Amino acid sequence: MESQKKFSPAFSFELFPPQTPQGIEKLKLTRQQLAQFNPKFFSVTFGAGGSTRERTLETVLEIQAEGHIVAPHLSCIGSTQQNILEILEKYYQAGIRHIVALRGDLPSGMAQAGEFRYASELVAFIRQEYGNAFHIEVAAYPEYHPQARSAQTDFENFKHKIDMGASSAITQYFYNADAYFNFVESCESAGLNIPIVPGIMPINKFSQLVRFSDTCGAEIPRWIRRKLEGYSDDAASIQAFGLDVVTQLCERLLQAGAPGLHFYTLNSANLTSMIWQRLDLKSNPN
């Protein structure tokens, strides 16, 4: 992982657009708590087929108005070039210069993929229309995308996103550090020397973790799954064990030269803050 070590560690937090007045207030408190760590950026998710388009834009502009760098997600499946261009222009005019470019999922009931099939096509389109105006993040899957036909096909798809102009990558969350190390080594062997930041998912509720992991293809190692199952409904024990597991994972990743950490916060600051404090992380340099 030598090529990863040359990048200054970048710590960032993912948020999603709230749907209710209570959610809006909770997200404001979450941002305030996480902002004290001076993250390099906050990212904001984009619903399937653009279903949260306006709420994503509102959330992005609110975060930016608070003085933070923000990286909106932009998924292209089910969209037209004109749709995407309109969103990009709004972000460009607002001074946003960081995009997380994703394929995304089709909304339930929608049969047509639209004018984009893959994230690599979205990356190419952004570069075609805006040159190097945007820093473009893409997704990486150390344990392979759940819809990939093979490990090699999945890796080739990732390489194509880099070839089309991606600046850096954020991984799907994982709990097996060796999967990340192997993925990075494969990238280095292929000459893909961009920052590949590990995605980190704090463990809160076991049922929630299983649901997320089944959907995105992230493996819950057997020893972790069995331990969590043994705690049944003991929320305090689940969180305590989860904090130990995720903190140790982060320590191992950073010690091995990972170029930062990207926390999937689920709009809650508590567990992420506790992991940060346990790791004694320093804020990102300005």
Protein backbone atom coordinates (compact mmCIF):
# COMPACT_ATOMS: atom_id res chain seq x y z
CA MET A 1 0.00 0.00 0.00
CA GLU A 2 2.94 2.33 -0.52
CA SER A 3 1.12 4.54 -3.04
CA GLN A 4 -1.69 5.11 -0.54
CA LYS A 5 0.72 6.51 2.03
CA LYS A 6 1.66 9.57 0.02
CA PHE A 7 -1.81 11.09 0.47
CA SER A 8 -2.64 13.13 3.58
CA PRO A 9 -5.33 11.30 5.59
CA ALA A 10 -8.82 12.54 4.69
CA PHE A 11 -11.71 12.04 7.11
CA SER A 12 -15.25 12.55 5.88
CA PHE A 13 -18.85 11.84 6.90
CA GLU A 14 -21.83 10.68 4.85
CA LEU A 15 -25.30 12.07 5.52
CA PHE A 16 -28.68 11.56 3.84
CA PRO A 17 -31.42 14.12 3.13
CA PRO A 18 -34.04 14.10 5.92
CA GLN A 19 -37.69 13.50 5.10
CA THR A 20 -39.44 15.02 8.13
CA PRO A 21 -39.18 18.21 10.23
CA GLN A 22 -37.83 16.05 13.07
CA GLY A 23 -35.25 14.59 10.72
CA ILE A 24 -34.17 18.06 9.63
CA GLU A 25 -33.58 19.10 13.23
CA LYS A 26 -31.75 15.87 14.04
CA LEU A 27 -29.46 16.33 11.05
CA LYS A 28 -28.59 19.86 12.12
CA LEU A 29 -27.53 18.57 15.53
CA THR A 30 -25.59 15.72 13.93
CA ARG A 31 -23.71 18.15 11.67
CA GLN A 32 -22.89 20.42 14.58
CA GLN A 33 -21.45 17.51 16.54
CA LEU A 34 -19.43 16.14 13.60
CA ALA A 35 -18.29 19.56 12.41
CA GLN A 36 -16.08 19.90 15.50
CA PHE A 37 -13.82 17.27 13.91
CA ASN A 38 -13.26 19.56 10.89
CA PRO A 39 -13.89 16.86 8.27
CA LYS A 40 -12.45 17.27 4.81
CA PHE A 41 -16.01 17.09 3.50
CA PHE A 42 -19.55 15.92 4.16
CA SER A 43 -21.19 13.83 1.46
CA VAL A 44 -24.96 13.77 0.90
CA THR A 45 -26.75 10.81 -0.68
CA PHE A 46 -29.02 10.89 -3.72
CA GLY A 47 -32.10 8.63 -3.80
CA ALA A 48 -32.75 5.95 -6.41
CA GLY A 49 -33.50 7.52 -9.77
CA GLY A 50 -33.08 11.00 -8.32
CA SER A 51 -35.97 10.50 -5.89
CA THR A 52 -34.38 12.84 -3.33
CA ARG A 53 -33.05 15.31 -5.91
CA GLU A 54 -34.49 18.49 -4.37
CA ARG A 55 -33.91 17.41 -0.77
CA THR A 56 -30.32 16.49 -1.63
CA LEU A 57 -29.78 19.91 -3.18
CA GLU A 58 -31.32 21.70 -0.17
CA THR A 59 -29.19 19.72 2.27
CA VAL A 60 -26.03 20.32 0.25
CA LEU A 61 -26.60 24.07 0.13
CA GLU A 62 -27.37 24.21 3.87
CA ILE A 63 -24.12 22.43 4.71
CA GLN A 64 -22.17 24.66 2.35
CA ALA A 65 -23.76 27.78 3.92
CA GLU A 66 -22.41 26.59 7.28
CA GLY A 67 -18.90 26.84 5.88
CA HIS A 68 -18.18 23.18 5.10
CA ILE A 69 -17.00 21.48 1.93
CA VAL A 70 -19.78 19.23 0.71
CA ALA A 71 -19.76 16.44 -1.87
CA PRO A 72 -23.23 15.64 -3.22
CA HIS A 73 -23.87 12.15 -4.51
CA LEU A 74 -25.12 12.01 -8.07
CA SER A 75 -26.52 8.74 -9.41
CA CYS A 76 -27.21 8.43 -13.12
CA ILE A 77 -29.40 5.35 -13.57
CA GLY A 78 -32.87 6.35 -14.73
CA SER A 79 -31.65 9.85 -15.69
CA THR A 80 -31.10 11.69 -18.94
CA GLN A 81 -28.05 13.72 -19.86
CA GLN A 82 -30.21 16.85 -19.59
CA ASN A 83 -31.30 15.92 -16.03
CA ILE A 84 -27.71 15.39 -14.98
CA LEU A 85 -26.52 18.55 -16.70
CA GLU A 86 -29.13 20.64 -14.87
CA ILE A 87 -28.02 19.28 -11.50
CA LEU A 88 -24.33 19.73 -12.28
CA GLU A 89 -24.90 23.31 -13.38
CA LYS A 90 -26.75 24.13 -10.14
CA TYR A 91 -23.85 22.72 -8.14
CA TYR A 92 -21.26 24.49 -10.29
CA GLN A 93 -23.02 27.84 -9.97
CA ALA A 94 -23.27 27.30 -6.20
CA GLY A 95 -19.51 26.78 -5.96
CA ILE A 96 -19.67 23.03 -5.31
CA ARG A 97 -16.55 21.37 -6.70
CA HIS A 98 -16.73 17.83 -5.25
CA ILE A 99 -19.07 15.13 -6.64
CA VAL A 100 -19.62 11.48 -5.71
CA ALA A 101 -20.53 9.88 -9.06
CA LEU A 102 -22.52 6.66 -8.80
CA ARG A 103 -24.59 4.40 -10.99
CA GLY A 104 -27.33 4.11 -8.38
CA ASP A 105 -30.46 1.97 -8.44
CA LEU A 106 -33.67 2.18 -10.40
CA PRO A 107 -36.67 3.21 -8.28
CA SER A 108 -39.23 0.47 -7.65
CA GLY A 109 -41.49 0.10 -10.67
CA MET A 110 -39.17 1.87 -13.13
CA ALA A 111 -38.10 -0.40 -15.96
CA GLN A 112 -35.87 1.87 -18.07
CA ALA A 113 -32.28 2.62 -17.14
CA GLY A 114 -32.23 5.97 -18.94
CA GLU A 115 -29.33 7.33 -20.97
CA PHE A 116 -26.64 6.13 -18.54
CA ARG A 117 -25.93 2.50 -17.73
CA TYR A 118 -22.76 2.74 -15.67
CA ALA A 119 -21.01 5.16 -13.33
CA SER A 120 -18.08 5.27 -15.75
CA GLU A 121 -20.40 6.89 -18.31
CA LEU A 122 -21.39 9.51 -15.73
CA VAL A 123 -17.73 10.23 -14.93
CA ALA A 124 -16.96 10.59 -18.64
CA PHE A 125 -19.95 12.92 -19.09
CA ILE A 126 -18.90 15.17 -16.21
CA ARG A 127 -15.37 15.43 -17.60
CA GLN A 128 -16.73 16.11 -21.10
CA GLU A 129 -18.97 18.93 -19.89
CA TYR A 130 -16.87 20.45 -17.09
CA GLY A 131 -13.31 19.33 -17.64
CA ASN A 132 -11.43 19.23 -14.35
CA ALA A 133 -13.80 21.60 -12.54
CA PHE A 134 -15.02 18.84 -10.23
CA HIS A 135 -13.16 16.42 -7.98
CA ILE A 136 -14.98 13.17 -8.74
CA GLU A 137 -15.28 10.40 -6.18
CA VAL A 138 -16.44 6.95 -7.29
CA ALA A 139 -17.45 3.81 -5.41
CA ALA A 140 -15.15 0.83 -4.88
CA TYR A 141 -16.15 -2.66 -3.74
CA PRO A 142 -13.37 -4.60 -1.99
CA GLU A 143 -15.77 -7.55 -1.59
CA TYR A 144 -17.18 -7.06 -5.10
CA HIS A 145 -20.41 -5.48 -6.24
CA PRO A 146 -23.38 -7.80 -5.52
CA GLN A 147 -24.45 -7.64 -9.20
CA ALA A 148 -20.99 -8.25 -10.65
CA ARG A 149 -20.72 -11.30 -12.92
CA SER A 150 -17.23 -12.05 -11.63
CA ALA A 151 -14.45 -10.54 -9.55
CA GLN A 152 -12.49 -9.71 -12.71
CA THR A 153 -15.48 -8.00 -14.34
CA ASP A 154 -16.05 -5.94 -11.20
CA PHE A 155 -12.41 -4.85 -11.12
CA GLU A 156 -12.47 -3.95 -14.81
CA ASN A 157 -15.56 -1.82 -14.20
CA PHE A 158 -13.76 0.02 -11.41
CA LYS A 159 -10.68 0.53 -13.59
CA HIS A 160 -12.88 1.98 -16.32
CA LYS A 161 -14.21 4.62 -13.90
CA ILE A 162 -10.63 5.66 -13.16
CA ASP A 163 -9.74 5.68 -16.85
CA MET A 164 -12.70 7.97 -17.53
CA GLY A 165 -11.37 10.53 -15.05
CA ALA A 166 -12.31 9.65 -11.46
CA SER A 167 -10.15 11.49 -8.93
CA SER A 168 -10.47 9.15 -5.94
CA ALA A 169 -12.65 6.38 -4.55
CA ILE A 170 -14.63 5.53 -1.42
CA THR A 171 -15.25 1.89 -0.67
CA GLN A 172 -18.39 0.12 0.39
CA TYR A 173 -18.11 -0.66 4.09
CA PHE A 174 -16.46 -3.90 5.14
CA TYR A 175 -15.28 -5.62 8.32
CA ASN A 176 -12.54 -7.74 6.73
CA ALA A 177 -9.48 -5.51 6.40
CA ASP A 178 -7.71 -8.05 4.20
CA ALA A 179 -10.37 -7.56 1.51
CA TYR A 180 -9.44 -3.87 1.38
CA PHE A 181 -5.69 -4.53 1.36
CA ASN A 182 -6.06 -7.07 -1.45
CA PHE A 183 -8.18 -4.64 -3.47
CA VAL A 184 -5.64 -1.82 -3.05
CA GLU A 185 -2.78 -4.12 -4.05
CA SER A 186 -4.70 -5.11 -7.19
CA CYS A 187 -5.20 -1.44 -8.01
CA GLU A 188 -1.53 -0.65 -7.50
CA SER A 189 -0.53 -3.59 -9.70
CA ALA A 190 -2.82 -2.20 -12.42
CA GLY A 191 -1.30 1.27 -12.11
CA LEU A 192 -4.39 2.82 -10.48
CA ASN A 193 -2.63 5.14 -8.07
CA ILE A 194 -5.51 7.20 -6.70
CA PRO A 195 -6.63 7.48 -3.06
CA ILE A 196 -8.99 4.65 -2.13
CA VAL A 197 -10.60 5.62 1.16
CA PRO A 198 -12.20 2.86 3.27
CA GLY A 199 -15.88 3.26 4.03
CA ILE A 200 -16.65 2.67 7.71
CA MET A 201 -20.03 1.58 9.08
CA PRO A 202 -20.43 1.82 12.88
CA ILE A 203 -22.44 -1.08 14.33
CA ASN A 204 -25.64 0.02 16.01
CA LYS A 205 -28.43 -2.56 15.51
CA PHE A 206 -27.75 -6.11 14.38
CA SER A 207 -30.97 -6.45 12.35
CA GLN A 208 -30.22 -3.20 10.56
CA LEU A 209 -26.65 -4.27 9.79
CA VAL A 210 -27.85 -7.60 8.35
CA ARG A 211 -30.41 -5.83 6.15
CA PHE A 212 -27.87 -3.34 4.82
CA SER A 213 -25.22 -5.99 4.27
CA ASP A 214 -27.56 -8.35 2.41
CA THR A 215 -28.47 -5.50 0.08
CA CYS A 216 -24.99 -4.16 -0.67
CA GLY A 217 -23.02 -7.41 -0.57
CA ALA A 218 -20.85 -6.51 2.43
CA GLU A 219 -19.78 -9.60 4.35
CA ILE A 220 -20.34 -9.81 8.10
CA PRO A 221 -17.57 -12.20 9.21
CA ARG A 222 -18.96 -15.26 10.94
CA TRP A 223 -17.29 -14.50 14.28
CA ILE A 224 -18.84 -11.04 14.33
CA ARG A 225 -22.26 -12.30 13.27
CA ARG A 226 -22.32 -15.03 15.91
CA LYS A 227 -21.20 -12.66 18.63
CA LEU A 228 -23.90 -10.13 17.72
CA GLU A 229 -26.53 -12.87 17.53
CA GLY A 230 -25.56 -13.92 21.04
CA TYR A 231 -26.39 -10.47 22.41
CA SER A 232 -30.00 -10.80 21.20
CA ASP A 233 -31.79 -7.55 22.15
CA ASP A 234 -29.04 -6.27 24.45
CA ALA A 235 -28.47 -2.95 22.65
CA ALA A 236 -25.75 -1.77 25.03
CA SER A 237 -23.65 -4.90 24.51
CA ILE A 238 -24.12 -4.76 20.74
CA GLN A 239 -22.92 -1.15 20.63
CA ALA A 240 -20.00 -1.80 22.97
CA PHE A 241 -18.84 -4.80 20.94
CA GLY A 242 -19.40 -2.89 17.70
CA LEU A 243 -17.28 0.00 18.92
CA ASP A 244 -14.42 -2.37 19.73
CA VAL A 245 -14.64 -4.13 16.35
CA VAL A 246 -14.87 -0.98 14.23
CA THR A 247 -12.21 0.92 16.19
CA GLN A 248 -9.77 -1.96 15.79
CA LEU A 249 -10.58 -2.13 12.08
CA CYS A 250 -9.90 1.60 11.67
CA GLU A 251 -6.65 1.33 13.60
CA ARG A 252 -5.44 -1.47 11.37
CA LEU A 253 -6.40 0.40 8.20
CA LEU A 254 -4.69 3.64 9.20
CA GLN A 255 -1.58 1.89 10.46
CA ALA A 256 -1.28 0.14 7.10
CA GLY A 257 -1.43 3.44 5.24
CA ALA A 258 -5.09 3.90 4.29
CA PRO A 259 -5.52 7.50 3.05
CA GLY A 260 -8.31 8.31 5.49
CA LEU A 261 -11.73 7.08 6.57
CA HIS A 262 -15.23 7.82 5.29
CA PHE A 263 -17.91 7.23 7.94
CA TYR A 264 -21.43 6.15 7.01
CA THR A 265 -23.12 7.98 9.86
CA LEU A 266 -26.80 7.25 9.11
CA ASN A 267 -27.41 10.84 10.29
CA SER A 268 -26.29 10.02 13.83
CA ALA A 269 -23.11 11.41 15.35
CA ASN A 270 -22.77 9.39 18.56
CA LEU A 271 -21.07 6.18 17.43
CA THR A 272 -18.92 7.91 14.84
CA SER A 273 -17.81 10.46 17.46
CA MET A 274 -16.91 7.72 19.93
CA ILE A 275 -14.84 5.88 17.31
CA TRP A 276 -13.11 9.14 16.37
CA GLN A 277 -12.25 9.85 20.01
CA ARG A 278 -11.01 6.30 20.61
CA LEU A 279 -8.75 6.61 17.59
CA ASP A 280 -7.57 10.03 18.82
CA LEU A 281 -7.82 11.31 15.27
CA LYS A 282 -6.67 14.77 14.39
CA SER A 283 -8.81 17.12 12.31
CA ASN A 284 -8.10 17.45 8.63
CA PRO A 285 -5.65 20.25 7.86
CA ASN A 286 -7.23 23.29 6.23
